[in-house]
Each structure stands twice: as structure tokens, then as C-alpha cells.
Amino acid sequence: MEDEKIYPRTGDKQTVYLKSVVQSPNIIVGEYSMHNDFARDPKDFEKNNVLYHYPVNGDKLIMGKFCSVACGAKFLFTRSGSLRRPSKSCWKSSGGTGRRSASDGICPRFRREKSTN
């Protein structure tokens, strides 16, 4: 693939080859992967679609060859919380305050059962 070729189709400015527009060394894109964005400039993929991707965290976004990223798709990165902690959506609200109730227990999606063996 030509490195300087941004648009895969003549006259179509809504679709870009991601490898040609991505600048971040922490975003690795395979050959012929494309992004279509009819709402915003598709060349701004990193700014509009890769959110909270701070270089200090060392996270990488790796896409293979021939991937297609739709308009409005978002890639979210964060190191602000621990993955060991259940998400807020797992907890029942107590009294409509939005607080977690201590008696609710661990979120069932993240529960680990002790082995009986």
C-alpha cells in the first residue's frame, strides 16, 4: 500500500486508510484498515474515536489488516480505576441516591467462587 494514499476511493472524502492518518506510536494499524465518518473529518480519527488514550499509560491500540471502523465507533482507554473493581452499573441504588448499598454484595458478573477441590 502506498504510504501517502489517504483515500481508498476517488472522490470519497468520508473514508480513509487509517495507517495513513494515525500519528500516535501507541496506535498500530494494519494494512488496508479503513475508517468511514460522515459526521466529522475521518482524518481526525485519533481525536474523535480514540478517547482517554494518554501516552503516559503505555496502552496500545492494535488493529489488524483489513479492519473497518464505522462512523461513531469509540475506543475507550482508562487507567483511572482498577479492573478488579465492579462497575457501578452492577450495584443496586439505595433510596434513589445513586449510592451503593454495603449489603448488595459483589456484582455477579465479577464474582469468583472458591474451589471446593
PDB file of N, CA and C in Angstrom:
ATOM      1  N   MET A   1       0.840  -1.183   0.000  1.00  0.00           N
ATOM      2  CA  MET A   1       0.000   0.000   0.000  1.00  0.00           C
ATOM      3  C   MET A   1       0.882   1.242   0.000  1.00  0.00           C
ATOM      4  N   GLU A   2       0.490   2.235  -0.763  1.00  0.00           N
ATOM      5  CA  GLU A   2       1.228   3.487  -0.801  1.00  0.00           C
ATOM      6  C   GLU A   2       1.038   4.221   0.521  1.00  0.00           C
ATOM      7  N   ASP A   3       2.126   4.610   1.162  1.00  0.00           N
ATOM      8  CA  ASP A   3       2.040   5.293   2.449  1.00  0.00           C
ATOM      9  C   ASP A   3       1.295   6.621   2.364  1.00  0.00           C
ATOM     10  N   GLU A   4       1.459   7.348   1.253  1.00  0.00           N
ATOM     11  CA  GLU A   4       0.856   8.671   1.144  1.00  0.00           C
ATOM     12  C   GLU A   4      -0.611   8.639   0.725  1.00  0.00           C
ATOM     13  N   LYS A   5      -1.131   7.486   0.334  1.00  0.00           N
ATOM     14  CA  LYS A   5      -2.527   7.412  -0.091  1.00  0.00           C
ATOM     15  C   LYS A   5      -3.440   7.421   1.133  1.00  0.00           C
ATOM     16  N   ILE A   6      -4.299   8.448   1.219  1.00  0.00           N
ATOM     17  CA  ILE A   6      -5.200   8.592   2.359  1.00  0.00           C
ATOM     18  C   ILE A   6      -6.580   8.036   2.035  1.00  0.00           C
ATOM     19  N   TYR A   7      -7.087   8.373   0.869  1.00  0.00           N
ATOM     20  CA  TYR A   7      -8.454   7.997   0.498  1.00  0.00           C
ATOM     21  C   TYR A   7      -8.441   6.768  -0.412  1.00  0.00           C
ATOM     22  N   PRO A   8      -9.166   5.707  -0.029  1.00  0.00           N
ATOM     23  CA  PRO A   8      -9.160   4.488  -0.836  1.00  0.00           C
ATOM     24  C   PRO A   8      -9.927   4.603  -2.157  1.00  0.00           C
ATOM     25  N   ARG A   9     -10.930   5.497  -2.190  1.00  0.00           N
ATOM     26  CA  ARG A   9     -11.743   5.639  -3.400  1.00  0.00           C
ATOM     27  C   ARG A   9     -11.699   7.080  -3.895  1.00  0.00           C
ATOM     28  N   THR A  10     -11.572   7.241  -5.159  1.00  0.00           N
ATOM     29  CA  THR A  10     -11.557   8.565  -5.770  1.00  0.00           C
ATOM     30  C   THR A  10     -12.883   9.277  -5.508  1.00  0.00           C
ATOM     31  N   GLY A  11     -12.811  10.501  -5.016  1.00  0.00           N
ATOM     32  CA  GLY A  11     -13.999  11.304  -4.782  1.00  0.00           C
ATOM     33  C   GLY A  11     -14.698  11.040  -3.460  1.00  0.00           C
ATOM     34  N   ASP A  12     -14.285  10.049  -2.712  1.00  0.00           N
ATOM     35  CA  ASP A  12     -14.897   9.735  -1.416  1.00  0.00           C
ATOM     36  C   ASP A  12     -14.000  10.285  -0.314  1.00  0.00           C
ATOM     37  N   LYS A  13     -14.411  11.408   0.287  1.00  0.00           N
ATOM     38  CA  LYS A  13     -13.629  12.041   1.350  1.00  0.00           C
ATOM     39  C   LYS A  13     -14.128  11.641   2.737  1.00  0.00           C
ATOM     40  N   GLN A  14     -15.048  10.673   2.810  1.00  0.00           N
ATOM     41  CA  GLN A  14     -15.572  10.210   4.098  1.00  0.00           C
ATOM     42  C   GLN A  14     -14.873   8.949   4.588  1.00  0.00           C
ATOM     43  N   THR A  15     -14.065   8.333   3.752  1.00  0.00           N
ATOM     44  CA  THR A  15     -13.379   7.087   4.104  1.00  0.00           C
ATOM     45  C   THR A  15     -11.874   7.275   3.942  1.00  0.00           C
ATOM     46  N   VAL A  16     -11.111   6.852   4.962  1.00  0.00           N
ATOM     47  CA  VAL A  16      -9.655   6.990   4.918  1.00  0.00           C
ATOM     48  C   VAL A  16      -8.987   5.666   5.277  1.00  0.00           C
ATOM     49  N   TYR A  17      -7.765   5.507   4.787  1.00  0.00           N
ATOM     50  CA  TYR A  17      -6.904   4.433   5.271  1.00  0.00           C
ATOM     51  C   TYR A  17      -6.333   4.900   6.609  1.00  0.00           C
ATOM     52  N   LEU A  18      -6.575   4.157   7.655  1.00  0.00           N
ATOM     53  CA  LEU A  18      -6.124   4.570   8.987  1.00  0.00           C
ATOM     54  C   LEU A  18      -4.606   4.639   9.104  1.00  0.00           C
ATOM     55  N   LYS A  19      -3.927   3.746   8.448  1.00  0.00           N
ATOM     56  CA  LYS A  19      -2.468   3.723   8.532  1.00  0.00           C
ATOM     57  C   LYS A  19      -1.867   5.045   8.035  1.00  0.00           C
ATOM     58  N   SER A  20      -2.561   5.707   7.133  1.00  0.00           N
ATOM     59  CA  SER A  20      -2.067   6.964   6.573  1.00  0.00           C
ATOM     60  C   SER A  20      -2.374   8.181   7.434  1.00  0.00           C
ATOM     61  N   VAL A  21      -3.369   8.091   8.320  1.00  0.00           N
ATOM     62  CA  VAL A  21      -3.758   9.267   9.106  1.00  0.00           C
ATOM     63  C   VAL A  21      -3.391   9.171  10.580  1.00  0.00           C
ATOM     64  N   VAL A  22      -3.148   7.985  11.101  1.00  0.00           N
ATOM     65  CA  VAL A  22      -2.814   7.824  12.520  1.00  0.00           C
ATOM     66  C   VAL A  22      -1.351   8.210  12.739  1.00  0.00           C
ATOM     67  N   GLN A  23      -1.128   9.071  13.732  1.00  0.00           N
ATOM     68  CA  GLN A  23       0.219   9.557  14.034  1.00  0.00           C
ATOM     69  C   GLN A  23       0.807   8.964  15.312  1.00  0.00           C
ATOM     70  N   SER A  24      -0.033   8.538  16.234  1.00  0.00           N
ATOM     71  CA  SER A  24       0.436   8.067  17.539  1.00  0.00           C
ATOM     72  C   SER A  24       1.216   6.756  17.412  1.00  0.00           C
ATOM     73  N   PRO A  25       2.366   6.675  18.071  1.00  0.00           N
ATOM     74  CA  PRO A  25       3.115   5.416  18.060  1.00  0.00           C
ATOM     75  C   PRO A  25       2.435   4.320  18.881  1.00  0.00           C
ATOM     76  N   ASN A  26       1.449   4.696  19.703  1.00  0.00           N
ATOM     77  CA  ASN A  26       0.727   3.717  20.511  1.00  0.00           C
ATOM     78  C   ASN A  26      -0.530   3.193  19.831  1.00  0.00           C
ATOM     79  N   ILE A  27      -0.743   3.600  18.590  1.00  0.00           N
ATOM     80  CA  ILE A  27      -1.845   3.061  17.788  1.00  0.00           C
ATOM     81  C   ILE A  27      -1.215   2.397  16.572  1.00  0.00           C
ATOM     82  N   ILE A  28      -1.355   1.092  16.504  1.00  0.00           N
ATOM     83  CA  ILE A  28      -0.757   0.310  15.425  1.00  0.00           C
ATOM     84  C   ILE A  28      -1.875  -0.187  14.523  1.00  0.00           C
ATOM     85  N   VAL A  29      -1.770   0.134  13.245  1.00  0.00           N
ATOM     86  CA  VAL A  29      -2.838  -0.181  12.297  1.00  0.00           C
ATOM     87  C   VAL A  29      -2.283  -1.043  11.180  1.00  0.00           C
ATOM     88  N   GLY A  30      -3.003  -2.120  10.865  1.00  0.00           N
ATOM     89  CA  GLY A  30      -2.609  -2.999   9.774  1.00  0.00           C
ATOM     90  C   GLY A  30      -2.949  -2.412   8.412  1.00  0.00           C
ATOM     91  N   GLU A  31      -2.386  -3.007   7.401  1.00  0.00           N
ATOM     92  CA  GLU A  31      -2.606  -2.567   6.025  1.00  0.00           C
ATOM     93  C   GLU A  31      -4.091  -2.605   5.670  1.00  0.00           C
ATOM     94  N   TYR A  32      -4.513  -1.619   4.902  1.00  0.00           N
ATOM     95  CA  TYR A  32      -5.851  -1.541   4.318  1.00  0.00           C
ATOM     96  C   TYR A  32      -6.985  -1.427   5.341  1.00  0.00           C
ATOM     97  N   SER A  33      -6.696  -1.114   6.586  1.00  0.00           N
ATOM     98  CA  SER A  33      -7.761  -0.863   7.556  1.00  0.00           C
ATOM     99  C   SER A  33      -8.315   0.530   7.294  1.00  0.00           C
ATOM    100  N   MET A  34      -9.645   0.651   7.329  1.00  0.00           N
ATOM    101  CA  MET A  34     -10.297   1.895   6.945  1.00  0.00           C
ATOM    102  C   MET A  34     -11.231   2.406   8.035  1.00  0.00           C
ATOM    103  N   HIS A  35     -11.520   3.693   7.934  1.00  0.00           N
ATOM    104  CA  HIS A  35     -12.491   4.334   8.823  1.00  0.00           C
ATOM    105  C   HIS A  35     -13.390   5.220   7.976  1.00  0.00           C
ATOM    106  N   ASN A  36     -14.695   5.091   8.183  1.00  0.00           N
ATOM    107  CA  ASN A  36     -15.667   5.936   7.496  1.00  0.00           C
ATOM    108  C   ASN A  36     -16.332   6.823   8.531  1.00  0.00           C
ATOM    109  N   ASP A  37     -16.376   8.120   8.239  1.00  0.00           N
ATOM    110  CA  ASP A  37     -17.028   9.058   9.144  1.00  0.00           C
ATOM    111  C   ASP A  37     -17.743  10.115   8.314  1.00  0.00           C
ATOM    112  N   PHE A  38     -19.050  10.037   8.281  1.00  0.00           N
ATOM    113  CA  PHE A  38     -19.829  11.007   7.514  1.00  0.00           C
ATOM    114  C   PHE A  38     -20.222  12.212   8.360  1.00  0.00           C
ATOM    115  N   ALA A  39     -20.002  12.151   9.681  1.00  0.00           N
ATOM    116  CA  ALA A  39     -20.372  13.250  10.571  1.00  0.00           C
ATOM    117  C   ALA A  39     -19.207  14.214  10.816  1.00  0.00           C
ATOM    118  N   ARG A  40     -17.985  13.701  10.815  1.00  0.00           N
ATOM    119  CA  ARG A  40     -16.794  14.511  11.091  1.00  0.00           C
ATOM    120  C   ARG A  40     -15.716  14.161  10.072  1.00  0.00           C
ATOM    121  N   ASP A  41     -14.615  14.878  10.159  1.00  0.00           N
ATOM    122  CA  ASP A  41     -13.497  14.606   9.263  1.00  0.00           C
ATOM    123  C   ASP A  41     -12.856  13.274   9.659  1.00  0.00           C
ATOM    124  N   PRO A  42     -12.854  12.278   8.777  1.00  0.00           N
ATOM    125  CA  PRO A  42     -12.296  10.972   9.147  1.00  0.00           C
ATOM    126  C   PRO A  42     -10.796  11.004   9.421  1.00  0.00           C
ATOM    127  N   LYS A  43     -10.104  12.055   8.957  1.00  0.00           N
ATOM    128  CA  LYS A  43      -8.676  12.178   9.235  1.00  0.00           C
ATOM    129  C   LYS A  43      -8.411  12.465  10.711  1.00  0.00           C
ATOM    130  N   ASP A  44      -9.441  12.899  11.445  1.00  0.00           N
ATOM    131  CA  ASP A  44      -9.315  13.173  12.880  1.00  0.00           C
ATOM    132  C   ASP A  44      -9.697  11.954  13.715  1.00  0.00           C
ATOM    133  N   PHE A  45      -9.424  10.772  13.226  1.00  0.00           N
ATOM    134  CA  PHE A  45      -9.774   9.519  13.897  1.00  0.00           C
ATOM    135  C   PHE A  45      -9.249   9.477  15.326  1.00  0.00           C
ATOM    136  N   GLU A  46      -8.001   9.822  15.524  1.00  0.00           N
ATOM    137  CA  GLU A  46      -7.407   9.762  16.870  1.00  0.00           C
ATOM    138  C   GLU A  46      -8.127  10.696  17.842  1.00  0.00           C
ATOM    139  N   LYS A  47      -8.446  11.887  17.419  1.00  0.00           N
ATOM    140  CA  LYS A  47      -9.090  12.875  18.278  1.00  0.00           C
ATOM    141  C   LYS A  47     -10.547  12.512  18.576  1.00  0.00           C
ATOM    142  N   ASN A  48     -11.258  12.008  17.595  1.00  0.00           N
ATOM    143  CA  ASN A  48     -12.693  11.773  17.741  1.00  0.00           C
ATOM    144  C   ASN A  48     -13.073  10.359  18.170  1.00  0.00           C
ATOM    145  N   ASN A  49     -12.219   9.378  17.922  1.00  0.00           N
ATOM    146  CA  ASN A  49     -12.613   7.990  18.139  1.00  0.00           C
ATOM    147  C   ASN A  49     -11.770   7.236  19.155  1.00  0.00           C
ATOM    148  N   VAL A  50     -10.599   7.726  19.490  1.00  0.00           N
ATOM    149  CA  VAL A  50      -9.741   7.070  20.479  1.00  0.00           C
ATOM    150  C   VAL A  50      -9.679   7.998  21.694  1.00  0.00           C
ATOM    151  N   LEU A  51     -10.451   7.648  22.717  1.00  0.00           N
ATOM    152  CA  LEU A  51     -10.630   8.547  23.854  1.00  0.00           C
ATOM    153  C   LEU A  51      -9.838   8.093  25.079  1.00  0.00           C
ATOM    154  N   TYR A  52      -9.319   9.058  25.825  1.00  0.00           N
ATOM    155  CA  TYR A  52      -8.570   8.818  27.074  1.00  0.00           C
ATOM    156  C   TYR A  52      -7.343   7.936  26.848  1.00  0.00           C
ATOM    157  N   HIS A  53      -6.726   8.083  25.712  1.00  0.00           N
ATOM    158  CA  HIS A  53      -5.552   7.284  25.360  1.00  0.00           C
ATOM    159  C   HIS A  53      -4.308   8.137  25.598  1.00  0.00           C
ATOM    160  N   TYR A  54      -3.871   8.172  26.856  1.00  0.00           N
ATOM    161  CA  TYR A  54      -2.759   9.024  27.246  1.00  0.00           C
ATOM    162  C   TYR A  54      -1.440   8.262  27.115  1.00  0.00           C
ATOM    163  N   PRO A  55      -0.438   8.866  26.495  1.00  0.00           N
ATOM    164  CA  PRO A  55       0.850   8.187  26.290  1.00  0.00           C
ATOM    165  C   PRO A  55       1.501   7.720  27.588  1.00  0.00           C
ATOM    166  N   VAL A  56       1.287   8.447  28.674  1.00  0.00           N
ATOM    167  CA  VAL A  56       1.915   8.097  29.946  1.00  0.00           C
ATOM    168  C   VAL A  56       1.477   6.713  30.443  1.00  0.00           C
ATOM    169  N   ASN A  57       0.276   6.272  30.052  1.00  0.00           N
ATOM    170  CA  ASN A  57      -0.226   4.967  30.491  1.00  0.00           C
ATOM    171  C   ASN A  57       0.417   3.797  29.746  1.00  0.00           C
ATOM    172  N   GLY A  58       0.929   4.046  28.567  1.00  0.00           N
ATOM    173  CA  GLY A  58       1.588   2.986  27.816  1.00  0.00           C
ATOM    174  C   GLY A  58       0.641   2.010  27.133  1.00  0.00           C
ATOM    175  N   ASP A  59      -0.665   2.301  27.114  1.00  0.00           N
ATOM    176  CA  ASP A  59      -1.621   1.424  26.440  1.00  0.00           C
ATOM    177  C   ASP A  59      -1.445   1.517  24.934  1.00  0.00           C
ATOM    178  N   LYS A  60      -1.751   0.420  24.262  1.00  0.00           N
ATOM    179  CA  LYS A  60      -1.665   0.386  22.805  1.00  0.00           C
ATOM    180  C   LYS A  60      -2.992  -0.064  22.223  1.00  0.00           C
ATOM    181  N   LEU A  61      -3.351   0.534  21.117  1.00  0.00           N
ATOM    182  CA  LEU A  61      -4.479   0.092  20.321  1.00  0.00           C
ATOM    183  C   LEU A  61      -3.890  -0.569  19.090  1.00  0.00           C
ATOM    184  N   ILE A  62      -4.202  -1.848  18.910  1.00  0.00           N
ATOM    185  CA  ILE A  62      -3.641  -2.600  17.792  1.00  0.00           C
ATOM    186  C   ILE A  62      -4.786  -3.132  16.938  1.00  0.00           C
ATOM    187  N   MET A  63      -4.798  -2.738  15.677  1.00  0.00           N
ATOM    188  CA  MET A  63      -5.801  -3.204  14.717  1.00  0.00           C
ATOM    189  C   MET A  63      -5.096  -4.013  13.652  1.00  0.00           C
ATOM    190  N   GLY A  64      -5.727  -5.073  13.229  1.00  0.00           N
ATOM    191  CA  GLY A  64      -5.151  -5.927  12.198  1.00  0.00           C
ATOM    192  C   GLY A  64      -5.376  -5.383  10.798  1.00  0.00           C
ATOM    193  N   LYS A  65      -5.054  -6.195   9.834  1.00  0.00           N
ATOM    194  CA  LYS A  65      -5.265  -5.846   8.427  1.00  0.00           C
ATOM    195  C   LYS A  65      -6.747  -5.932   8.072  1.00  0.00           C
ATOM    196  N   PHE A  66      -7.152  -5.118   7.117  1.00  0.00           N
ATOM    197  CA  PHE A  66      -8.495  -5.143   6.532  1.00  0.00           C
ATOM    198  C   PHE A  66      -9.615  -4.896   7.550  1.00  0.00           C
ATOM    199  N   CYS A  67      -9.339  -4.126   8.598  1.00  0.00           N
ATOM    200  CA  CYS A  67     -10.386  -3.777   9.563  1.00  0.00           C
ATOM    201  C   CYS A  67     -11.181  -2.589   9.039  1.00  0.00           C
ATOM    202  N   SER A  68     -12.434  -2.519   9.454  1.00  0.00           N
ATOM    203  CA  SER A  68     -13.290  -1.407   9.069  1.00  0.00           C
ATOM    204  C   SER A  68     -13.922  -0.833  10.334  1.00  0.00           C
ATOM    205  N   VAL A  69     -13.684   0.453  10.579  1.00  0.00           N
ATOM    206  CA  VAL A  69     -14.208   1.113  11.763  1.00  0.00           C
ATOM    207  C   VAL A  69     -15.338   2.042  11.323  1.00  0.00           C
ATOM    208  N   ALA A  70     -16.521   1.811  11.860  1.00  0.00           N
ATOM    209  CA  ALA A  70     -17.711   2.557  11.462  1.00  0.00           C
ATOM    210  C   ALA A  70     -17.732   3.955  12.066  1.00  0.00           C
ATOM    211  N   CYS A  71     -18.522   4.798  11.472  1.00  0.00           N
ATOM    212  CA  CYS A  71     -18.752   6.151  11.980  1.00  0.00           C
ATOM    213  C   CYS A  71     -19.348   6.065  13.384  1.00  0.00           C
ATOM    214  N   GLY A  72     -18.781   6.802  14.315  1.00  0.00           N
ATOM    215  CA  GLY A  72     -19.300   6.831  15.679  1.00  0.00           C
ATOM    216  C   GLY A  72     -18.693   5.792  16.603  1.00  0.00           C
ATOM    217  N   ALA A  73     -17.909   4.860  16.090  1.00  0.00           N
ATOM    218  CA  ALA A  73     -17.262   3.858  16.950  1.00  0.00           C
ATOM    219  C   ALA A  73     -16.237   4.558  17.839  1.00  0.00           C
ATOM    220  N   LYS A  74     -16.178   4.145  19.104  1.00  0.00           N
ATOM    221  CA  LYS A  74     -15.242   4.751  20.058  1.00  0.00           C
ATOM    222  C   LYS A  74     -14.381   3.673  20.697  1.00  0.00           C
ATOM    223  N   PHE A  75     -13.120   3.980  20.878  1.00  0.00           N
ATOM    224  CA  PHE A  75     -12.186   3.126  21.602  1.00  0.00           C
ATOM    225  C   PHE A  75     -11.855   3.869  22.895  1.00  0.00           C
ATOM    226  N   LEU A  76     -12.233   3.285  24.024  1.00  0.00           N
ATOM    227  CA  LEU A  76     -12.046   3.942  25.316  1.00  0.00           C
ATOM    228  C   LEU A  76     -10.889   3.317  26.070  1.00  0.00           C
ATOM    229  N   PHE A  77     -10.019   4.170  26.594  1.00  0.00           N
ATOM    230  CA  PHE A  77      -8.895   3.726  27.403  1.00  0.00           C
ATOM    231  C   PHE A  77      -8.954   4.473  28.719  1.00  0.00           C
ATOM    232  N   THR A  78      -8.638   3.781  29.782  1.00  0.00           N
ATOM    233  CA  THR A  78      -8.533   4.468  31.064  1.00  0.00           C
ATOM    234  C   THR A  78      -7.731   3.626  32.036  1.00  0.00           C
ATOM    235  N   ARG A  79      -6.967   4.298  32.831  1.00  0.00           N
ATOM    236  CA  ARG A  79      -6.235   3.657  33.920  1.00  0.00           C
ATOM    237  C   ARG A  79      -6.658   4.284  35.242  1.00  0.00           C
ATOM    238  N   SER A  80      -7.747   5.058  35.210  1.00  0.00           N
ATOM    239  CA  SER A  80      -8.151   5.774  36.416  1.00  0.00           C
ATOM    240  C   SER A  80      -8.734   4.852  37.474  1.00  0.00           C
ATOM    241  N   GLY A  81      -9.228   3.703  37.081  1.00  0.00           N
ATOM    242  CA  GLY A  81      -9.809   2.774  38.040  1.00  0.00           C
ATOM    243  C   GLY A  81      -9.230   1.387  37.848  1.00  0.00           C
ATOM    244  N   SER A  82      -9.463   0.544  38.793  1.00  0.00           N
ATOM    245  CA  SER A  82      -8.959  -0.818  38.730  1.00  0.00           C
ATOM    246  C   SER A  82      -9.972  -1.717  38.037  1.00  0.00           C
ATOM    247  N   LEU A  83      -9.495  -2.644  37.248  1.00  0.00           N
ATOM    248  CA  LEU A  83     -10.385  -3.599  36.595  1.00  0.00           C
ATOM    249  C   LEU A  83     -10.935  -4.608  37.600  1.00  0.00           C
ATOM    250  N   ARG A  84     -10.342  -4.665  38.771  1.00  0.00           N
ATOM    251  CA  ARG A  84     -10.811  -5.604  39.790  1.00  0.00           C
ATOM    252  C   ARG A  84     -12.075  -5.095  40.473  1.00  0.00           C
ATOM    253  N   ARG A  85     -12.324  -3.825  40.343  1.00  0.00           N
ATOM    254  CA  ARG A  85     -13.488  -3.222  40.974  1.00  0.00           C
ATOM    255  C   ARG A  85     -14.698  -3.387  40.057  1.00  0.00           C
ATOM    256  N   PRO A  86     -15.829  -3.795  40.580  1.00  0.00           N
ATOM    257  CA  PRO A  86     -17.011  -3.932  39.725  1.00  0.00           C
ATOM    258  C   PRO A  86     -17.486  -2.584  39.212  1.00  0.00           C
ATOM    259  N   SER A  87     -18.125  -2.607  38.061  1.00  0.00           N
ATOM    260  CA  SER A  87     -18.636  -1.352  37.515  1.00  0.00           C
ATOM    261  C   SER A  87     -19.831  -0.887  38.319  1.00  0.00           C
ATOM    262  N   LYS A  88     -20.090   0.391  38.283  1.00  0.00           N
ATOM    263  CA  LYS A  88     -21.173   0.987  39.063  1.00  0.00           C
ATOM    264  C   LYS A  88     -22.529   0.421  38.655  1.00  0.00           C
ATOM    265  N   SER A  89     -22.667   0.022  37.397  1.00  0.00           N
ATOM    266  CA  SER A  89     -23.954  -0.468  36.915  1.00  0.00           C
ATOM    267  C   SER A  89     -24.360  -1.797  37.542  1.00  0.00           C
ATOM    268  N   CYS A  90     -23.453  -2.474  38.198  1.00  0.00           N
ATOM    269  CA  CYS A  90     -23.769  -3.754  38.819  1.00  0.00           C
ATOM    270  C   CYS A  90     -24.488  -3.594  40.155  1.00  0.00           C
ATOM    271  N   TRP A  91     -24.396  -2.423  40.744  1.00  0.00           N
ATOM    272  CA  TRP A  91     -24.899  -2.225  42.095  1.00  0.00           C
ATOM    273  C   TRP A  91     -26.303  -1.670  42.068  1.00  0.00           C
ATOM    274  N   LYS A  92     -27.099  -2.099  43.040  1.00  0.00           N
ATOM    275  CA  LYS A  92     -28.442  -1.557  43.200  1.00  0.00           C
ATOM    276  C   LYS A  92     -28.342  -0.183  43.839  1.00  0.00           C
ATOM    277  N   SER A  93     -29.206   0.703  43.431  1.00  0.00           N
ATOM    278  CA  SER A  93     -29.246   2.020  44.076  1.00  0.00           C
ATOM    279  C   SER A  93     -29.935   1.886  45.424  1.00  0.00           C
ATOM    280  N   SER A  94     -29.503   2.678  46.377  1.00  0.00           N
ATOM    281  CA  SER A  94     -30.158   2.649  47.682  1.00  0.00           C
ATOM    282  C   SER A  94     -30.889   3.958  47.892  1.00  0.00           C
ATOM    283  N   GLY A  95     -32.195   3.881  47.940  1.00  0.00           N
ATOM    284  CA  GLY A  95     -33.016   5.052  48.196  1.00  0.00           C
ATOM    285  C   GLY A  95     -32.997   6.092  47.097  1.00  0.00           C
ATOM    286  N   GLY A  96     -32.630   5.709  45.882  1.00  0.00           N
ATOM    287  CA  GLY A  96     -32.628   6.647  44.775  1.00  0.00           C
ATOM    288  C   GLY A  96     -31.493   7.651  44.830  1.00  0.00           C
ATOM    289  N   THR A  97     -30.556   7.472  45.762  1.00  0.00           N
ATOM    290  CA  THR A  97     -29.454   8.424  45.898  1.00  0.00           C
ATOM    291  C   THR A  97     -28.308   8.109  44.957  1.00  0.00           C
ATOM    292  N   GLY A  98     -28.327   6.934  44.351  1.00  0.00           N
ATOM    293  CA  GLY A  98     -27.235   6.532  43.481  1.00  0.00           C
ATOM    294  C   GLY A  98     -26.078   5.925  44.239  1.00  0.00           C
ATOM    295  N   ARG A  99     -26.179   5.863  45.553  1.00  0.00           N
ATOM    296  CA  ARG A  99     -25.106   5.260  46.355  1.00  0.00           C
ATOM    297  C   ARG A  99     -25.222   3.747  46.325  1.00  0.00           C
ATOM    298  N   ARG A 100     -24.091   3.116  46.531  1.00  0.00           N
ATOM    299  CA  ARG A 100     -24.090   1.659  46.619  1.00  0.00           C
ATOM    300  C   ARG A 100     -24.433   1.241  48.030  1.00  0.00           C
ATOM    301  N   SER A 101     -25.184   0.192  48.133  1.00  0.00           N
ATOM    302  CA  SER A 101     -25.530  -0.335  49.443  1.00  0.00           C
ATOM    303  C   SER A 101     -24.504  -1.393  49.830  1.00  0.00           C
ATOM    304  N   ALA A 102     -24.002  -1.320  51.042  1.00  0.00           N
ATOM    305  CA  ALA A 102     -22.997  -2.281  51.502  1.00  0.00           C
ATOM    306  C   ALA A 102     -23.537  -3.701  51.525  1.00  0.00           C
ATOM    307  N   SER A 103     -24.844  -3.846  51.645  1.00  0.00           N
ATOM    308  CA  SER A 103     -25.421  -5.187  51.713  1.00  0.00           C
ATOM    309  C   SER A 103     -25.658  -5.798  50.341  1.00  0.00           C
ATOM    310  N   ASP A 104     -25.384  -5.038  49.288  1.00  0.00           N
ATOM    311  CA  ASP A 104     -25.620  -5.545  47.929  1.00  0.00           C
ATOM    312  C   ASP A 104     -24.669  -6.676  47.547  1.00  0.00           C
ATOM    313  N   GLY A 105     -23.496  -6.695  48.121  1.00  0.00           N
ATOM    314  CA  GLY A 105     -22.545  -7.745  47.793  1.00  0.00           C
ATOM    315  C   GLY A 105     -21.775  -7.442  46.524  1.00  0.00           C
ATOM    316  N   ILE A 106     -21.073  -8.451  46.055  1.00  0.00           N
ATOM    317  CA  ILE A 106     -20.245  -8.306  44.858  1.00  0.00           C
ATOM    318  C   ILE A 106     -21.100  -8.483  43.620  1.00  0.00           C
ATOM    319  N   CYS A 107     -20.795  -7.737  42.614  1.00  0.00           N
ATOM    320  CA  CYS A 107     -21.501  -7.838  41.344  1.00  0.00           C
ATOM    321  C   CYS A 107     -21.405  -9.276  40.820  1.00  0.00           C
ATOM    322  N   PRO A 108     -22.519  -9.895  40.448  1.00  0.00           N
ATOM    323  CA  PRO A 108     -22.492 -11.291  39.996  1.00  0.00           C
ATOM    324  C   PRO A 108     -21.596 -11.534  38.783  1.00  0.00           C
ATOM    325  N   ARG A 109     -21.419 -10.524  37.930  1.00  0.00           N
ATOM    326  CA  ARG A 109     -20.577 -10.713  36.749  1.00  0.00           C
ATOM    327  C   ARG A 109     -19.123 -10.902  37.128  1.00  0.00           C
ATOM    328  N   PHE A 110     -18.710 -10.368  38.270  1.00  0.00           N
ATOM    329  CA  PHE A 110     -17.322 -10.417  38.679  1.00  0.00           C
ATOM    330  C   PHE A 110     -17.077 -11.347  39.851  1.00  0.00           C
ATOM    331  N   ARG A 111     -18.077 -12.065  40.253  1.00  0.00           N
ATOM    332  CA  ARG A 111     -17.955 -12.938  41.417  1.00  0.00           C
ATOM    333  C   ARG A 111     -17.022 -14.102  41.100  1.00  0.00           C
ATOM    334  N   ARG A 112     -16.151 -14.399  42.044  1.00  0.00           N
ATOM    335  CA  ARG A 112     -15.276 -15.566  41.917  1.00  0.00           C
ATOM    336  C   ARG A 112     -15.607 -16.526  43.028  1.00  0.00           C
ATOM    337  N   GLU A 113     -15.951 -17.710  42.657  1.00  0.00           N
ATOM    338  CA  GLU A 113     -16.304 -18.731  43.632  1.00  0.00           C
ATOM    339  C   GLU A 113     -15.039 -19.460  44.073  1.00  0.00           C
ATOM    340  N   LYS A 114     -14.973 -19.829  45.328  1.00  0.00           N
ATOM    341  CA  LYS A 114     -13.854 -20.610  45.842  1.00  0.00           C
ATOM    342  C   LYS A 114     -13.982 -22.040  45.356  1.00  0.00           C
ATOM    343  N   SER A 115     -12.884 -22.619  45.012  1.00  0.00           N
ATOM    344  CA  SER A 115     -12.875 -24.004  44.552  1.00  0.00           C
ATOM    345  C   SER A 115     -13.095 -24.930  45.752  1.00  0.00           C
ATOM    346  N   THR A 116     -13.916 -25.956  45.577  1.00  0.00           N
ATOM    347  CA  THR A 116     -14.168 -26.903  46.652  1.00  0.00           C
ATOM    348  C   THR A 116     -13.235 -28.101  46.580  1.00  0.00           C
ATOM    349  N   ASN A 117     -12.368 -28.115  45.583  1.00  0.00           N
ATOM    350  CA  ASN A 117     -11.431 -29.252  45.438  1.00  0.00           C
ATOM    351  C   ASN A 117     -10.216 -29.092  46.299  1.00  0.00           C
TER     352      ASN A 117
END
